[in-house]
Amino acid sequence: MKWWAALFVFSLIAAVPAAARACPNCKEAVESGESGDDDPLREARGYNNSIYLMASMPYLLLGTLGAAGYRAYRKAQAAQPPSEG
């Protein structure tokens, strides 16, 4: 019986949605509202662009490292004398 009661209480706690929290910088920027600009979507576009930057960064890093490795491999292959046989 205790197990069922604990499961029920846990289910109730898990079912209650928690308030979503923004990162401190985003929260302060939204609360201050000191844009001074007539464009109300400027802040949203800025956050959207920063998300695109953060999402693309791993691909840019892997692509750069892959290209550098490929160039080093090709350079090492070109430096080797051709084998006769």
C-alpha atoms as a PDB file:
ATOM      1  CA  MET A   1       0.000   0.000   0.000  1.00  0.00           C
ATOM      2  CA  LYS A   2       2.848   2.389   0.792  1.00  0.00           C
ATOM      3  CA  TRP A   3       4.357   1.734  -2.629  1.00  0.00           C
ATOM      4  CA  TRP A   4       1.112   2.737  -4.376  1.00  0.00           C
ATOM      5  CA  ALA A   5       0.819   5.879  -2.239  1.00  0.00           C
ATOM      6  CA  ALA A   6       4.401   6.860  -3.057  1.00  0.00           C
ATOM      7  CA  LEU A   7       3.770   6.229  -6.756  1.00  0.00           C
ATOM      8  CA  PHE A   8       0.612   8.340  -6.628  1.00  0.00           C
ATOM      9  CA  VAL A   9       2.392  11.240  -4.896  1.00  0.00           C
ATOM     10  CA  PHE A  10       5.265  11.063  -7.363  1.00  0.00           C
ATOM     11  CA  SER A  11       2.801  11.071 -10.268  1.00  0.00           C
ATOM     12  CA  LEU A  12       1.093  14.166  -8.884  1.00  0.00           C
ATOM     13  CA  ILE A  13       4.408  15.969  -8.459  1.00  0.00           C
ATOM     14  CA  ALA A  14       5.541  15.000 -11.964  1.00  0.00           C
ATOM     15  CA  ALA A  15       2.241  16.109 -13.495  1.00  0.00           C
ATOM     16  CA  VAL A  16       2.439  19.657 -12.121  1.00  0.00           C
ATOM     17  CA  PRO A  17       4.229  21.803 -14.706  1.00  0.00           C
ATOM     18  CA  ALA A  18       7.164  23.822 -13.461  1.00  0.00           C
ATOM     19  CA  ALA A  19       7.665  27.430 -14.483  1.00  0.00           C
ATOM     20  CA  ALA A  20      10.225  27.775 -17.261  1.00  0.00           C
ATOM     21  CA  ARG A  21      13.178  29.932 -16.345  1.00  0.00           C
ATOM     22  CA  ALA A  22      15.254  31.943 -18.763  1.00  0.00           C
ATOM     23  CA  CYS A  23      18.974  32.374 -18.447  1.00  0.00           C
ATOM     24  CA  PRO A  24      19.874  35.373 -16.266  1.00  0.00           C
ATOM     25  CA  ASN A  25      21.029  37.544 -19.170  1.00  0.00           C
ATOM     26  CA  CYS A  26      17.898  36.899 -21.215  1.00  0.00           C
ATOM     27  CA  LYS A  27      15.666  37.466 -18.219  1.00  0.00           C
ATOM     28  CA  GLU A  28      17.282  40.797 -17.392  1.00  0.00           C
ATOM     29  CA  ALA A  29      17.171  41.960 -20.998  1.00  0.00           C
ATOM     30  CA  VAL A  30      13.490  41.190 -21.283  1.00  0.00           C
ATOM     31  CA  GLU A  31      12.626  42.809 -17.951  1.00  0.00           C
ATOM     32  CA  SER A  32      14.598  45.990 -18.612  1.00  0.00           C
ATOM     33  CA  GLY A  33      13.095  46.593 -22.046  1.00  0.00           C
ATOM     34  CA  GLU A  34      15.571  49.367 -22.836  1.00  0.00           C
ATOM     35  CA  SER A  35      15.669  48.831 -26.563  1.00  0.00           C
ATOM     36  CA  GLY A  36      14.675  52.410 -27.428  1.00  0.00           C
ATOM     37  CA  ASP A  37      13.842  51.177 -30.904  1.00  0.00           C
ATOM     38  CA  ASP A  38      10.517  51.241 -32.708  1.00  0.00           C
ATOM     39  CA  ASP A  39      10.914  47.644 -33.902  1.00  0.00           C
ATOM     40  CA  PRO A  40       9.293  45.334 -31.329  1.00  0.00           C
ATOM     41  CA  LEU A  41      10.751  42.215 -32.946  1.00  0.00           C
ATOM     42  CA  ARG A  42      14.365  43.344 -32.771  1.00  0.00           C
ATOM     43  CA  GLU A  43      15.035  41.542 -29.497  1.00  0.00           C
ATOM     44  CA  ALA A  44      13.384  38.346 -30.729  1.00  0.00           C
ATOM     45  CA  ARG A  45      15.480  38.427 -33.901  1.00  0.00           C
ATOM     46  CA  GLY A  46      18.620  38.882 -31.816  1.00  0.00           C
ATOM     47  CA  TYR A  47      17.821  35.841 -29.670  1.00  0.00           C
ATOM     48  CA  ASN A  48      16.944  33.858 -32.776  1.00  0.00           C
ATOM     49  CA  ASN A  49      20.265  34.729 -34.431  1.00  0.00           C
ATOM     50  CA  SER A  50      22.194  33.767 -31.297  1.00  0.00           C
ATOM     51  CA  ILE A  51      20.435  30.383 -31.258  1.00  0.00           C
ATOM     52  CA  TYR A  52      21.395  29.830 -34.899  1.00  0.00           C
ATOM     53  CA  LEU A  53      25.000  30.698 -34.064  1.00  0.00           C
ATOM     54  CA  MET A  54      25.116  28.303 -31.106  1.00  0.00           C
ATOM     55  CA  ALA A  55      23.482  25.507 -33.113  1.00  0.00           C
ATOM     56  CA  SER A  56      25.861  25.868 -36.068  1.00  0.00           C
ATOM     57  CA  MET A  57      29.076  26.132 -34.042  1.00  0.00           C
ATOM     58  CA  PRO A  58      29.688  22.361 -33.600  1.00  0.00           C
ATOM     59  CA  TYR A  59      29.283  21.818 -37.342  1.00  0.00           C
ATOM     60  CA  LEU A  60      31.646  24.674 -38.131  1.00  0.00           C
ATOM     61  CA  LEU A  61      34.263  23.323 -35.736  1.00  0.00           C
ATOM     62  CA  LEU A  62      33.984  19.754 -37.020  1.00  0.00           C
ATOM     63  CA  GLY A  63      34.072  20.936 -40.623  1.00  0.00           C
ATOM     64  CA  THR A  64      37.155  23.056 -40.001  1.00  0.00           C
ATOM     65  CA  LEU A  65      38.967  20.243 -38.208  1.00  0.00           C
ATOM     66  CA  GLY A  66      37.952  17.765 -40.901  1.00  0.00           C
ATOM     67  CA  ALA A  67      39.159  20.042 -43.688  1.00  0.00           C
ATOM     68  CA  ALA A  68      42.461  20.642 -41.892  1.00  0.00           C
ATOM     69  CA  GLY A  69      42.930  16.903 -41.392  1.00  0.00           C
ATOM     70  CA  TYR A  70      42.106  16.192 -45.033  1.00  0.00           C
ATOM     71  CA  ARG A  71      44.577  18.818 -46.246  1.00  0.00           C
ATOM     72  CA  ALA A  72      47.292  17.427 -43.952  1.00  0.00           C
ATOM     73  CA  TYR A  73      46.602  13.915 -45.236  1.00  0.00           C
ATOM     74  CA  ARG A  74      46.773  15.028 -48.872  1.00  0.00           C
ATOM     75  CA  LYS A  75      49.968  16.967 -48.207  1.00  0.00           C
ATOM     76  CA  ALA A  76      51.565  13.903 -46.585  1.00  0.00           C
ATOM     77  CA  GLN A  77      50.488  11.730 -49.517  1.00  0.00           C
ATOM     78  CA  ALA A  78      52.014  14.192 -52.011  1.00  0.00           C
ATOM     79  CA  ALA A  79      55.298  14.321 -50.064  1.00  0.00           C
ATOM     80  CA  GLN A  80      55.825  10.560 -50.256  1.00  0.00           C
ATOM     81  CA  PRO A  81      57.811   9.319 -53.231  1.00  0.00           C
ATOM     82  CA  PRO A  82      55.805   7.156 -55.597  1.00  0.00           C
ATOM     83  CA  SER A  83      56.361   3.466 -55.081  1.00  0.00           C
ATOM     84  CA  GLU A  84      57.521   1.508 -58.094  1.00  0.00           C
ATOM     85  CA  GLY A  85      56.170  -1.928 -58.327  1.00  0.00           C
END
